[in-house]
PDB file of all heavy atoms in Angstrom:
ATOM      1  N   HIS A   1      16.227  13.879  25.320  1.00  0.00           N
ATOM      2  CA  HIS A   1      16.495  12.389  25.525  1.00  0.00           C
ATOM      3  C   HIS A   1      15.337  11.566  25.448  1.00  0.00           C
ATOM      4  O   HIS A   1      15.404  10.327  25.760  1.00  0.00           O
ATOM      5  CB  HIS A   1      17.169  12.284  26.875  1.00  0.00           C
ATOM      6  CG  HIS A   1      18.438  13.007  27.099  1.00  0.00           C
ATOM      7  ND1 HIS A   1      19.633  12.763  26.503  1.00  0.00           N
ATOM      8  CD2 HIS A   1      18.636  14.115  27.858  1.00  0.00           C
ATOM      9  CE1 HIS A   1      20.522  13.660  26.782  1.00  0.00           C
ATOM     10  NE2 HIS A   1      20.018  14.535  27.606  1.00  0.00           N
ATOM     11  N   ASP A   2      14.151  12.072  25.022  1.00  0.00           N
ATOM     12  CA  ASP A   2      12.927  11.322  24.896  1.00  0.00           C
ATOM     13  C   ASP A   2      13.135  10.208  23.728  1.00  0.00           C
ATOM     14  O   ASP A   2      13.949  10.379  22.874  1.00  0.00           O
ATOM     15  CB  ASP A   2      11.782  12.144  24.498  1.00  0.00           C
ATOM     16  CG  ASP A   2      11.230  12.937  25.722  1.00  0.00           C
ATOM     17  OD1 ASP A   2      11.549  12.523  26.867  1.00  0.00           O
ATOM     18  OD2 ASP A   2      10.753  13.965  25.515  1.00  0.00           O
ATOM     19  N   GLU A   3      12.431   9.168  23.953  1.00  0.00           N
ATOM     20  CA  GLU A   3      12.485   7.991  22.942  1.00  0.00           C
ATOM     21  C   GLU A   3      11.456   8.210  21.762  1.00  0.00           C
ATOM     22  O   GLU A   3      10.422   8.768  22.048  1.00  0.00           O
ATOM     23  CB  GLU A   3      12.117   6.809  23.700  1.00  0.00           C
ATOM     24  CG  GLU A   3      13.154   6.435  24.802  1.00  0.00           C
ATOM     25  CD  GLU A   3      14.590   6.111  24.173  1.00  0.00           C
ATOM     26  OE1 GLU A   3      14.728   5.668  22.999  1.00  0.00           O
ATOM     27  OE2 GLU A   3      15.500   6.292  24.927  1.00  0.00           O
ATOM     28  N   VAL A   4      11.996   7.933  20.592  1.00  0.00           N
ATOM     29  CA  VAL A   4      11.186   8.141  19.524  1.00  0.00           C
ATOM     30  C   VAL A   4      10.658   6.784  18.911  1.00  0.00           C
ATOM     31  O   VAL A   4      11.301   5.704  19.065  1.00  0.00           O
ATOM     32  CB  VAL A   4      12.037   8.689  18.333  1.00  0.00           C
ATOM     33  CG1 VAL A   4      11.373   8.745  17.024  1.00  0.00           C
ATOM     34  CG2 VAL A   4      12.473  10.132  18.777  1.00  0.00           C
ATOM     35  N   LYS A   5       9.502   6.881  18.311  1.00  0.00           N
ATOM     36  CA  LYS A   5       8.909   5.597  17.642  1.00  0.00           C
ATOM     37  C   LYS A   5       8.545   6.107  16.240  1.00  0.00           C
ATOM     38  O   LYS A   5       8.204   7.315  16.085  1.00  0.00           O
ATOM     39  CB  LYS A   5       7.717   5.043  18.305  1.00  0.00           C
ATOM     40  CG  LYS A   5       8.090   4.316  19.582  1.00  0.00           C
ATOM     41  CD  LYS A   5       8.721   2.958  19.278  1.00  0.00           C
ATOM     42  CE  LYS A   5       9.057   2.291  20.581  1.00  0.00           C
ATOM     43  NZ  LYS A   5       7.963   1.687  21.218  1.00  0.00           N
ATOM     44  N   ALA A   6       8.554   5.165  15.312  1.00  0.00           N
ATOM     45  CA  ALA A   6       8.194   5.491  13.845  1.00  0.00           C
ATOM     46  C   ALA A   6       7.634   4.376  13.102  1.00  0.00           C
ATOM     47  O   ALA A   6       7.897   3.183  13.538  1.00  0.00           O
ATOM     48  CB  ALA A   6       9.429   6.100  13.095  1.00  0.00           C
ATOM     49  N   VAL A   7       6.800   4.645  12.151  1.00  0.00           N
ATOM     50  CA  VAL A   7       6.327   3.606  11.251  1.00  0.00           C
ATOM     51  C   VAL A   7       6.540   4.010   9.799  1.00  0.00           C
ATOM     52  O   VAL A   7       6.419   5.191   9.389  1.00  0.00           O
ATOM     53  CB  VAL A   7       4.758   3.371  11.520  1.00  0.00           C
ATOM     54  CG1 VAL A   7       4.499   2.818  12.961  1.00  0.00           C
ATOM     55  CG2 VAL A   7       3.940   4.573  11.323  1.00  0.00           C
ATOM     56  N   LEU A   8       6.668   3.050   8.937  1.00  0.00           N
ATOM     57  CA  LEU A   8       6.551   3.135   7.557  1.00  0.00           C
ATOM     58  C   LEU A   8       5.136   2.889   7.111  1.00  0.00           C
ATOM     59  O   LEU A   8       4.605   1.853   7.358  1.00  0.00           O
ATOM     60  CB  LEU A   8       7.555   2.186   6.863  1.00  0.00           C
ATOM     61  CG  LEU A   8       7.455   1.979   5.322  1.00  0.00           C
ATOM     62  CD1 LEU A   8       7.755   3.364   4.669  1.00  0.00           C
ATOM     63  CD2 LEU A   8       8.365   0.872   4.838  1.00  0.00           C
ATOM     64  N   ALA A   9       4.593   3.837   6.496  1.00  0.00           N
ATOM     65  CA  ALA A   9       3.072   3.829   6.053  1.00  0.00           C
ATOM     66  C   ALA A   9       3.166   3.692   4.623  1.00  0.00           C
ATOM     67  O   ALA A   9       3.856   4.395   3.907  1.00  0.00           O
ATOM     68  CB  ALA A   9       2.338   4.991   6.426  1.00  0.00           C
ATOM     69  N   TYR A  10       2.215   2.777   4.001  1.00  0.00           N
ATOM     70  CA  TYR A  10       2.247   2.610   2.539  1.00  0.00           C
ATOM     71  C   TYR A  10       0.794   2.102   2.245  1.00  0.00           C
ATOM     72  O   TYR A  10       0.015   1.583   3.009  1.00  0.00           O
ATOM     73  CB  TYR A  10       3.258   1.524   2.025  1.00  0.00           C
ATOM     74  CG  TYR A  10       2.921   0.143   2.500  1.00  0.00           C
ATOM     75  CD1 TYR A  10       2.246  -0.703   1.680  1.00  0.00           C
ATOM     76  CD2 TYR A  10       3.420  -0.353   3.732  1.00  0.00           C
ATOM     77  CE1 TYR A  10       2.041  -2.135   2.171  1.00  0.00           C
ATOM     78  CE2 TYR A  10       3.187  -1.607   4.173  1.00  0.00           C
ATOM     79  CZ  TYR A  10       2.426  -2.480   3.330  1.00  0.00           C
ATOM     80  OH  TYR A  10       2.281  -3.704   3.770  1.00  0.00           O
ATOM     81  N   ARG A  11       0.385   2.410   0.896  1.00  0.00           N
ATOM     82  CA  ARG A  11      -0.852   1.943   0.471  1.00  0.00           C
ATOM     83  C   ARG A  11      -0.775   1.987  -1.153  1.00  0.00           C
ATOM     84  O   ARG A  11       0.093   2.597  -1.761  1.00  0.00           O
ATOM     85  CB  ARG A  11      -1.969   2.853   0.803  1.00  0.00           C
ATOM     86  CG  ARG A  11      -1.844   4.298   0.267  1.00  0.00           C
ATOM     87  CD  ARG A  11      -2.915   5.198   0.744  1.00  0.00           C
ATOM     88  NE  ARG A  11      -2.905   6.606   0.288  1.00  0.00           N
ATOM     89  CZ  ARG A  11      -3.658   7.491   0.539  1.00  0.00           C
ATOM     90  NH1 ARG A  11      -4.642   7.358   1.384  1.00  0.00           N
ATOM     91  NH2 ARG A  11      -3.504   8.784   0.039  1.00  0.00           N
ATOM     92  N   GLN A  12      -1.613   1.125  -1.689  1.00  0.00           N
ATOM     93  CA  GLN A  12      -1.719   1.089  -3.164  1.00  0.00           C
ATOM     94  C   GLN A  12      -2.564   2.352  -3.526  1.00  0.00           C
ATOM     95  O   GLN A  12      -3.529   2.792  -2.863  1.00  0.00           O
ATOM     96  CB  GLN A  12      -2.447  -0.067  -3.644  1.00  0.00           C
ATOM     97  CG  GLN A  12      -2.276  -0.306  -5.139  1.00  0.00           C
ATOM     98  CD  GLN A  12      -2.484  -1.777  -5.544  1.00  0.00           C
ATOM     99  OE1 GLN A  12      -3.017  -2.565  -4.637  1.00  0.00           O
ATOM    100  NE2 GLN A  12      -2.256  -2.191  -6.738  1.00  0.00           N
ATOM    101  N   VAL A  13      -2.185   3.097  -4.639  1.00  0.00           N
ATOM    102  CA  VAL A  13      -2.889   4.401  -5.094  1.00  0.00           C
ATOM    103  C   VAL A  13      -4.292   3.939  -5.350  1.00  0.00           C
ATOM    104  O   VAL A  13      -4.695   3.083  -5.965  1.00  0.00           O
ATOM    105  CB  VAL A  13      -2.205   4.789  -6.376  1.00  0.00           C
ATOM    106  CG1 VAL A  13      -3.020   5.943  -6.969  1.00  0.00           C
ATOM    107  CG2 VAL A  13      -0.830   5.290  -6.068  1.00  0.00           C
ATOM    108  N   GLY A  14      -5.226   4.808  -4.809  1.00  0.00           N
ATOM    109  CA  GLY A  14      -6.537   4.610  -4.863  1.00  0.00           C
ATOM    110  C   GLY A  14      -7.162   4.022  -3.595  1.00  0.00           C
ATOM    111  O   GLY A  14      -8.471   4.126  -3.453  1.00  0.00           O
ATOM    112  N   SER A  15      -6.410   3.432  -2.718  1.00  0.00           N
ATOM    113  CA  SER A  15      -6.868   2.907  -1.441  1.00  0.00           C
ATOM    114  C   SER A  15      -6.920   3.964  -0.421  1.00  0.00           C
ATOM    115  O   SER A  15      -6.006   4.841  -0.349  1.00  0.00           O
ATOM    116  CB  SER A  15      -5.949   1.782  -0.941  1.00  0.00           C
ATOM    117  OG  SER A  15      -6.433   1.405   0.285  1.00  0.00           O
ATOM    118  N   GLU A  16      -7.887   4.016   0.466  1.00  0.00           N
ATOM    119  CA  GLU A  16      -7.994   5.072   1.509  1.00  0.00           C
ATOM    120  C   GLU A  16      -7.141   4.598   2.699  1.00  0.00           C
ATOM    121  O   GLU A  16      -6.804   5.473   3.536  1.00  0.00           O
ATOM    122  CB  GLU A  16      -9.473   5.228   1.739  1.00  0.00           C
ATOM    123  CG  GLU A  16     -10.295   5.800   0.737  1.00  0.00           C
ATOM    124  CD  GLU A  16     -11.732   6.209   1.207  1.00  0.00           C
ATOM    125  OE1 GLU A  16     -11.999   6.016   2.331  1.00  0.00           O
ATOM    126  OE2 GLU A  16     -12.591   6.758   0.289  1.00  0.00           O
ATOM    127  N   GLU A  17      -7.029   3.318   2.803  1.00  0.00           N
ATOM    128  CA  GLU A  17      -6.393   2.877   4.135  1.00  0.00           C
ATOM    129  C   GLU A  17      -4.860   2.645   3.959  1.00  0.00           C
ATOM    130  O   GLU A  17      -4.385   2.049   2.987  1.00  0.00           O
ATOM    131  CB  GLU A  17      -7.075   1.434   4.492  1.00  0.00           C
ATOM    132  CG  GLU A  17      -6.530   0.889   5.769  1.00  0.00           C
ATOM    133  CD  GLU A  17      -7.186  -0.388   6.170  1.00  0.00           C
ATOM    134  OE1 GLU A  17      -8.212  -0.717   5.496  1.00  0.00           O
ATOM    135  OE2 GLU A  17      -6.745  -1.008   7.110  1.00  0.00           O
ATOM    136  N   TRP A  18      -4.160   3.136   4.943  1.00  0.00           N
ATOM    137  CA  TRP A  18      -2.735   3.087   4.898  1.00  0.00           C
ATOM    138  C   TRP A  18      -2.342   1.778   5.740  1.00  0.00           C
ATOM    139  O   TRP A  18      -2.912   1.622   6.828  1.00  0.00           O
ATOM    140  CB  TRP A  18      -2.003   4.204   5.584  1.00  0.00           C
ATOM    141  CG  TRP A  18      -2.075   5.551   4.679  1.00  0.00           C
ATOM    142  CD1 TRP A  18      -2.981   6.399   4.671  1.00  0.00           C
ATOM    143  CD2 TRP A  18      -1.062   5.919   3.829  1.00  0.00           C
ATOM    144  NE1 TRP A  18      -2.741   7.399   3.752  1.00  0.00           N
ATOM    145  CE2 TRP A  18      -1.468   7.189   3.288  1.00  0.00           C
ATOM    146  CE3 TRP A  18       0.180   5.537   3.483  1.00  0.00           C
ATOM    147  CZ2 TRP A  18      -0.800   7.875   2.366  1.00  0.00           C
ATOM    148  CZ3 TRP A  18       0.930   6.167   2.497  1.00  0.00           C
ATOM    149  CH2 TRP A  18       0.466   7.409   1.952  1.00  0.00           C
ATOM    150  N   GLN A  19      -1.475   1.038   5.267  1.00  0.00           N
ATOM    151  CA  GLN A  19      -0.817  -0.196   6.092  1.00  0.00           C
ATOM    152  C   GLN A  19       0.419   0.475   6.692  1.00  0.00           C
ATOM    153  O   GLN A  19       1.090   1.302   6.162  1.00  0.00           O
ATOM    154  CB  GLN A  19      -0.549  -1.321   5.190  1.00  0.00           C
ATOM    155  CG  GLN A  19      -1.901  -1.892   4.611  1.00  0.00           C
ATOM    156  CD  GLN A  19      -1.526  -3.160   3.876  1.00  0.00           C
ATOM    157  OE1 GLN A  19      -1.151  -4.120   4.458  1.00  0.00           O
ATOM    158  NE2 GLN A  19      -1.788  -3.073   2.558  1.00  0.00           N
ATOM    159  N   GLU A  20       0.823  -0.137   7.895  1.00  0.00           N
ATOM    160  CA  GLU A  20       1.926   0.334   8.541  1.00  0.00           C
ATOM    161  C   GLU A  20       2.893  -0.844   8.976  1.00  0.00           C
ATOM    162  O   GLU A  20       2.467  -1.946   9.404  1.00  0.00           O
ATOM    163  CB  GLU A  20       1.510   1.133   9.904  1.00  0.00           C
ATOM    164  CG  GLU A  20       0.782   2.418   9.602  1.00  0.00           C
ATOM    165  CD  GLU A  20       0.489   3.203  10.870  1.00  0.00           C
ATOM    166  OE1 GLU A  20       0.647   2.646  11.959  1.00  0.00           O
ATOM    167  OE2 GLU A  20       0.135   4.339  10.687  1.00  0.00           O
ATOM    168  N   VAL A  21       4.175  -0.409   8.950  1.00  0.00           N
ATOM    169  CA  VAL A  21       5.256  -1.423   9.456  1.00  0.00           C
ATOM    170  C   VAL A  21       6.038  -0.673  10.399  1.00  0.00           C
ATOM    171  O   VAL A  21       6.566   0.430  10.187  1.00  0.00           O
ATOM    172  CB  VAL A  21       6.189  -1.915   8.258  1.00  0.00           C
ATOM    173  CG1 VAL A  21       7.189  -2.858   8.815  1.00  0.00           C
ATOM    174  CG2 VAL A  21       5.259  -2.568   7.137  1.00  0.00           C
ATOM    175  N   PRO A  22       6.203  -1.220  11.680  1.00  0.00           N
ATOM    176  CA  PRO A  22       7.080  -0.451  12.637  1.00  0.00           C
ATOM    177  C   PRO A  22       8.493  -0.366  12.093  1.00  0.00           C
ATOM    178  O   PRO A  22       9.034  -1.302  11.657  1.00  0.00           O
ATOM    179  CB  PRO A  22       6.955  -1.366  13.906  1.00  0.00           C
ATOM    180  CG  PRO A  22       5.727  -2.155  13.758  1.00  0.00           C
ATOM    181  CD  PRO A  22       5.620  -2.370  12.169  1.00  0.00           C
ATOM    182  N   MET A  23       9.084   0.772  12.419  1.00  0.00           N
ATOM    183  CA  MET A  23      10.483   0.969  12.001  1.00  0.00           C
ATOM    184  C   MET A  23      11.466   0.538  13.075  1.00  0.00           C
ATOM    185  O   MET A  23      11.078   0.623  14.287  1.00  0.00           O
ATOM    186  CB  MET A  23      10.721   2.444  11.527  1.00  0.00           C
ATOM    187  CG  MET A  23       9.868   2.961  10.420  1.00  0.00           C
ATOM    188  SD  MET A  23      10.573   4.407   9.559  1.00  0.00           S
ATOM    189  CE  MET A  23      11.982   3.737   8.693  1.00  0.00           C
ATOM    190  N   GLU A  24      12.504  -0.026  12.635  1.00  0.00           N
ATOM    191  CA  GLU A  24      13.532  -0.544  13.623  1.00  0.00           C
ATOM    192  C   GLU A  24      14.763   0.413  13.727  1.00  0.00           C
ATOM    193  O   GLU A  24      15.315   0.825  12.550  1.00  0.00           O
ATOM    194  CB  GLU A  24      14.004  -1.907  13.123  1.00  0.00           C
ATOM    195  CG  GLU A  24      15.114  -2.541  13.871  1.00  0.00           C
ATOM    196  CD  GLU A  24      15.704  -3.769  13.277  1.00  0.00           C
ATOM    197  OE1 GLU A  24      15.127  -4.159  12.174  1.00  0.00           O
ATOM    198  OE2 GLU A  24      16.551  -4.360  13.781  1.00  0.00           O
ATOM    199  N   PHE A  25      15.210   0.682  14.902  1.00  0.00           N
ATOM    200  CA  PHE A  25      16.349   1.540  15.192  1.00  0.00           C
ATOM    201  C   PHE A  25      17.557   0.708  14.810  1.00  0.00           C
ATOM    202  O   PHE A  25      17.809  -0.357  15.275  1.00  0.00           O
ATOM    203  CB  PHE A  25      16.357   1.946  16.556  1.00  0.00           C
ATOM    204  CG  PHE A  25      17.665   2.767  16.863  1.00  0.00           C
ATOM    205  CD1 PHE A  25      17.782   4.107  16.487  1.00  0.00           C
ATOM    206  CD2 PHE A  25      18.739   2.265  17.642  1.00  0.00           C
ATOM    207  CE1 PHE A  25      18.947   4.807  16.767  1.00  0.00           C
ATOM    208  CE2 PHE A  25      19.810   2.863  17.963  1.00  0.00           C
ATOM    209  CZ  PHE A  25      19.930   4.231  17.587  1.00  0.00           C
ATOM    210  N   ILE A  26      18.449   1.428  13.874  1.00  0.00           N
ATOM    211  CA  ILE A  26      19.671   0.688  13.529  1.00  0.00           C
ATOM    212  C   ILE A  26      20.883   1.254  14.444  1.00  0.00           C
ATOM    213  O   ILE A  26      21.364   0.504  15.362  1.00  0.00           O
ATOM    214  CB  ILE A  26      20.090   0.960  11.996  1.00  0.00           C
ATOM    215  CG1 ILE A  26      18.820   0.520  11.185  1.00  0.00           C
ATOM    216  CG2 ILE A  26      21.323   0.249  11.667  1.00  0.00           C
ATOM    217  CD1 ILE A  26      19.028   0.881   9.745  1.00  0.00           C
ATOM    218  N   SER A  27      21.219   2.494  14.245  1.00  0.00           N
ATOM    219  CA  SER A  27      22.275   3.122  15.049  1.00  0.00           C
ATOM    220  C   SER A  27      22.401   4.578  14.653  1.00  0.00           C
ATOM    221  O   SER A  27      21.910   4.844  13.482  1.00  0.00           O
ATOM    222  CB  SER A  27      23.651   2.535  14.920  1.00  0.00           C
ATOM    223  OG  SER A  27      24.069   2.635  13.575  1.00  0.00           O
ATOM    224  N   ASN A  28      22.811   5.491  15.481  1.00  0.00           N
ATOM    225  CA  ASN A  28      23.083   6.804  15.192  1.00  0.00           C
ATOM    226  C   ASN A  28      21.974   7.518  14.402  1.00  0.00           C
ATOM    227  O   ASN A  28      22.077   8.160  13.403  1.00  0.00           O
ATOM    228  CB  ASN A  28      24.368   6.860  14.197  1.00  0.00           C
ATOM    229  CG  ASN A  28      24.939   8.277  14.134  1.00  0.00           C
ATOM    230  OD1 ASN A  28      24.817   9.018  15.049  1.00  0.00           O
ATOM    231  ND2 ASN A  28      25.560   8.613  13.099  1.00  0.00           N
ATOM    232  N   ASP A  29      20.752   7.373  15.130  1.00  0.00           N
ATOM    233  CA  ASP A  29      19.561   7.930  14.565  1.00  0.00           C
ATOM    234  C   ASP A  29      18.974   7.360  13.167  1.00  0.00           C
ATOM    235  O   ASP A  29      18.108   7.978  12.714  1.00  0.00           O
ATOM    236  CB  ASP A  29      19.614   9.400  14.519  1.00  0.00           C
ATOM    237  CG  ASP A  29      19.813  10.080  15.836  1.00  0.00           C
ATOM    238  OD1 ASP A  29      19.182   9.664  16.889  1.00  0.00           O
ATOM    239  OD2 ASP A  29      20.662  11.099  16.005  1.00  0.00           O
ATOM    240  N   ARG A  30      19.557   6.290  12.838  1.00  0.00           N
ATOM    241  CA  ARG A  30      19.164   5.615  11.612  1.00  0.00           C
ATOM    242  C   ARG A  30      18.182   4.593  11.823  1.00  0.00           C
ATOM    243  O   ARG A  30      18.370   3.752  12.704  1.00  0.00           O
ATOM    244  CB  ARG A  30      20.356   5.157  10.868  1.00  0.00           C
ATOM    245  CG  ARG A  30      20.128   4.861   9.296  1.00  0.00           C
ATOM    246  CD  ARG A  30      20.050   6.001   8.512  1.00  0.00           C
ATOM    247  NE  ARG A  30      19.811   5.769   7.075  1.00  0.00           N
ATOM    248  CZ  ARG A  30      19.180   6.572   6.279  1.00  0.00           C
ATOM    249  NH1 ARG A  30      18.794   7.793   6.690  1.00  0.00           N
ATOM    250  NH2 ARG A  30      19.178   6.434   5.035  1.00  0.00           N
ATOM    251  N   TRP A  31      17.100   4.624  11.084  1.00  0.00           N
ATOM    252  CA  TRP A  31      15.952   3.664  11.283  1.00  0.00           C
ATOM    253  C   TRP A  31      15.567   3.034   9.971  1.00  0.00           C
ATOM    254  O   TRP A  31      15.883   3.557   8.876  1.00  0.00           O
ATOM    255  CB  TRP A  31      14.647   4.363  11.772  1.00  0.00           C
ATOM    256  CG  TRP A  31      14.749   4.994  13.129  1.00  0.00           C
ATOM    257  CD1 TRP A  31      15.638   5.985  13.514  1.00  0.00           C
ATOM    258  CD2 TRP A  31      13.995   4.489  14.234  1.00  0.00           C
ATOM    259  NE1 TRP A  31      15.341   6.252  14.873  1.00  0.00           N
ATOM    260  CE2 TRP A  31      14.496   5.423  15.340  1.00  0.00           C
ATOM    261  CE3 TRP A  31      13.072   3.540  14.608  1.00  0.00           C
ATOM    262  CZ2 TRP A  31      13.947   5.294  16.640  1.00  0.00           C
ATOM    263  CZ3 TRP A  31      12.661   3.350  15.795  1.00  0.00           C
ATOM    264  CH2 TRP A  31      13.061   4.237  16.880  1.00  0.00           C
ATOM    265  N   GLN A  32      15.051   1.848  10.058  1.00  0.00           N
ATOM    266  CA  GLN A  32      14.621   1.076   8.787  1.00  0.00           C
ATOM    267  C   GLN A  32      13.307   0.318   8.946  1.00  0.00           C
ATOM    268  O   GLN A  32      13.018  -0.093  10.069  1.00  0.00           O
ATOM    269  CB  GLN A  32      15.785   0.213   8.228  1.00  0.00           C
ATOM    270  CG  GLN A  32      15.959  -0.963   9.113  1.00  0.00           C
ATOM    271  CD  GLN A  32      17.022  -1.973   8.551  1.00  0.00           C
ATOM    272  OE1 GLN A  32      17.951  -1.570   7.812  1.00  0.00           O
ATOM    273  NE2 GLN A  32      17.030  -3.242   9.052  1.00  0.00           N
ATOM    274  N   ALA A  33      12.638   0.081   7.882  1.00  0.00           N
ATOM    275  CA  ALA A  33      11.553  -0.938   7.804  1.00  0.00           C
ATOM    276  C   ALA A  33      11.376  -1.290   6.448  1.00  0.00           C
ATOM    277  O   ALA A  33      11.907  -0.806   5.434  1.00  0.00           O
ATOM    278  CB  ALA A  33      10.258  -0.156   8.277  1.00  0.00           C
ATOM    279  N   ALA A  34      10.742  -2.481   6.161  1.00  0.00           N
ATOM    280  CA  ALA A  34      10.619  -3.037   4.871  1.00  0.00           C
ATOM    281  C   ALA A  34       9.197  -3.752   4.789  1.00  0.00           C
ATOM    282  O   ALA A  34       8.671  -4.096   5.802  1.00  0.00           O
ATOM    283  CB  ALA A  34      11.648  -4.117   4.660  1.00  0.00           C
ATOM    284  N   PHE A  35       8.696  -3.870   3.576  1.00  0.00           N
ATOM    285  CA  PHE A  35       7.480  -4.629   3.365  1.00  0.00           C
ATOM    286  C   PHE A  35       7.703  -5.264   1.950  1.00  0.00           C
ATOM    287  O   PHE A  35       8.424  -4.713   1.072  1.00  0.00           O
ATOM    288  CB  PHE A  35       6.252  -3.723   3.367  1.00  0.00           C
ATOM    289  CG  PHE A  35       6.232  -2.564   2.390  1.00  0.00           C
ATOM    290  CD1 PHE A  35       5.521  -2.756   1.225  1.00  0.00           C
ATOM    291  CD2 PHE A  35       6.806  -1.430   2.740  1.00  0.00           C
ATOM    292  CE1 PHE A  35       5.420  -1.675   0.321  1.00  0.00           C
ATOM    293  CE2 PHE A  35       6.661  -0.343   1.827  1.00  0.00           C
ATOM    294  CZ  PHE A  35       6.063  -0.457   0.652  1.00  0.00           C
ATOM    295  N   THR A  36       6.896  -6.379   1.691  1.00  0.00           N
ATOM    296  CA  THR A  36       7.038  -7.174   0.495  1.00  0.00           C
ATOM    297  C   THR A  36       5.832  -6.851  -0.274  1.00  0.00           C
ATOM    298  O   THR A  36       4.650  -6.816   0.220  1.00  0.00           O
ATOM    299  CB  THR A  36       7.142  -8.640   0.836  1.00  0.00           C
ATOM    300  OG1 THR A  36       8.357  -8.882   1.538  1.00  0.00           O
ATOM    301  CG2 THR A  36       7.229  -9.441  -0.432  1.00  0.00           C
ATOM    302  N   LEU A  37       6.020  -6.692  -1.677  1.00  0.00           N
ATOM    303  CA  LEU A  37       4.891  -6.347  -2.563  1.00  0.00           C
ATOM    304  C   LEU A  37       4.256  -7.579  -3.125  1.00  0.00           C
ATOM    305  O   LEU A  37       4.962  -8.483  -3.749  1.00  0.00           O
ATOM    306  CB  LEU A  37       5.474  -5.490  -3.662  1.00  0.00           C
ATOM    307  CG  LEU A  37       5.903  -3.993  -3.350  1.00  0.00           C
ATOM    308  CD1 LEU A  37       4.829  -3.294  -2.526  1.00  0.00           C
ATOM    309  CD2 LEU A  37       7.212  -3.962  -2.660  1.00  0.00           C
ATOM    310  N   ASP A  38       3.005  -7.734  -3.062  1.00  0.00           N
ATOM    311  CA  ASP A  38       2.319  -8.920  -3.568  1.00  0.00           C
ATOM    312  C   ASP A  38       1.401  -8.635  -4.773  1.00  0.00           C
ATOM    313  O   ASP A  38       0.716  -9.547  -5.169  1.00  0.00           O
ATOM    314  CB  ASP A  38       1.575  -9.683  -2.429  1.00  0.00           C
ATOM    315  CG  ASP A  38       0.567  -8.713  -1.791  1.00  0.00           C
ATOM    316  OD1 ASP A  38       0.289  -7.711  -2.245  1.00  0.00           O
ATOM    317  OD2 ASP A  38       0.020  -9.255  -0.744  1.00  0.00           O
ATOM    318  N   THR A  39       1.233  -7.406  -5.126  1.00  0.00           N
ATOM    319  CA  THR A  39       0.302  -6.981  -6.093  1.00  0.00           C
ATOM    320  C   THR A  39       0.905  -5.973  -6.978  1.00  0.00           C
ATOM    321  O   THR A  39       1.605  -4.969  -6.581  1.00  0.00           O
ATOM    322  CB  THR A  39      -1.023  -6.413  -5.447  1.00  0.00           C
ATOM    323  OG1 THR A  39      -1.430  -7.393  -4.551  1.00  0.00           O
ATOM    324  CG2 THR A  39      -2.071  -6.184  -6.617  1.00  0.00           C
ATOM    325  N   MET A  40       0.713  -6.076  -8.412  1.00  0.00           N
ATOM    326  CA  MET A  40       1.100  -5.013  -9.282  1.00  0.00           C
ATOM    327  C   MET A  40       0.370  -3.852  -9.010  1.00  0.00           C
ATOM    328  O   MET A  40      -0.753  -3.768  -8.557  1.00  0.00           O
ATOM    329  CB  MET A  40       0.862  -5.485 -10.744  1.00  0.00           C
ATOM    330  CG  MET A  40       1.824  -6.579 -11.252  1.00  0.00           C
ATOM    331  SD  MET A  40       1.771  -6.725 -13.040  1.00  0.00           S
ATOM    332  CE  MET A  40      -0.052  -7.227 -13.330  1.00  0.00           C
ATOM    333  N   GLY A  41       1.035  -2.703  -9.443  1.00  0.00           N
ATOM    334  CA  GLY A  41       0.317  -1.427  -9.364  1.00  0.00           C
ATOM    335  C   GLY A  41       1.136  -0.275  -8.868  1.00  0.00           C
ATOM    336  O   GLY A  41       2.406  -0.522  -8.628  1.00  0.00           O
ATOM    337  N   ARG A  42       0.529   0.852  -8.478  1.00  0.00           N
ATOM    338  CA  ARG A  42       1.299   2.003  -8.115  1.00  0.00           C
ATOM    339  C   ARG A  42       0.960   2.143  -6.633  1.00  0.00           C
ATOM    340  O   ARG A  42      -0.168   2.165  -6.194  1.00  0.00           O
ATOM    341  CB  ARG A  42       0.903   3.254  -8.939  1.00  0.00           C
ATOM    342  CG  ARG A  42       1.246   3.031 -10.389  1.00  0.00           C
ATOM    343  CD  ARG A  42       0.954   4.136 -11.347  1.00  0.00           C
ATOM    344  NE  ARG A  42       1.495   3.824 -12.713  1.00  0.00           N
ATOM    345  CZ  ARG A  42       2.379   4.561 -13.410  1.00  0.00           C
ATOM    346  NH1 ARG A  42       2.902   5.720 -12.832  1.00  0.00           N
ATOM    347  NH2 ARG A  42       2.816   4.217 -14.517  1.00  0.00           N
ATOM    348  N   TYR A  43       2.000   2.505  -5.923  1.00  0.00           N
ATOM    349  CA  TYR A  43       1.990   2.606  -4.445  1.00  0.00           C
ATOM    350  C   TYR A  43       2.508   3.981  -3.997  1.00  0.00           C
ATOM    351  O   TYR A  43       3.148   4.647  -4.721  1.00  0.00           O
ATOM    352  CB  TYR A  43       2.801   1.561  -3.744  1.00  0.00           C
ATOM    353  CG  TYR A  43       2.261   0.076  -3.830  1.00  0.00           C
ATOM    354  CD1 TYR A  43       2.306  -0.621  -4.999  1.00  0.00           C
ATOM    355  CD2 TYR A  43       1.528  -0.452  -2.751  1.00  0.00           C
ATOM    356  CE1 TYR A  43       1.749  -1.811  -5.111  1.00  0.00           C
ATOM    357  CE2 TYR A  43       1.055  -1.840  -2.820  1.00  0.00           C
ATOM    358  CZ  TYR A  43       1.053  -2.486  -3.974  1.00  0.00           C
ATOM    359  OH  TYR A  43       0.621  -3.809  -4.063  1.00  0.00           O
TER     360      TYR A  43
END
């Protein structure tokens, strides 16, 4: 019954640093998160 937390981690290929977005609980163990892309390239 412990509570879970999660993040969506992303980065542009070649970058060492990951950015994170907290994930939101929807229902029935389903979670979601989103981020907007502002630069061309591979992620």
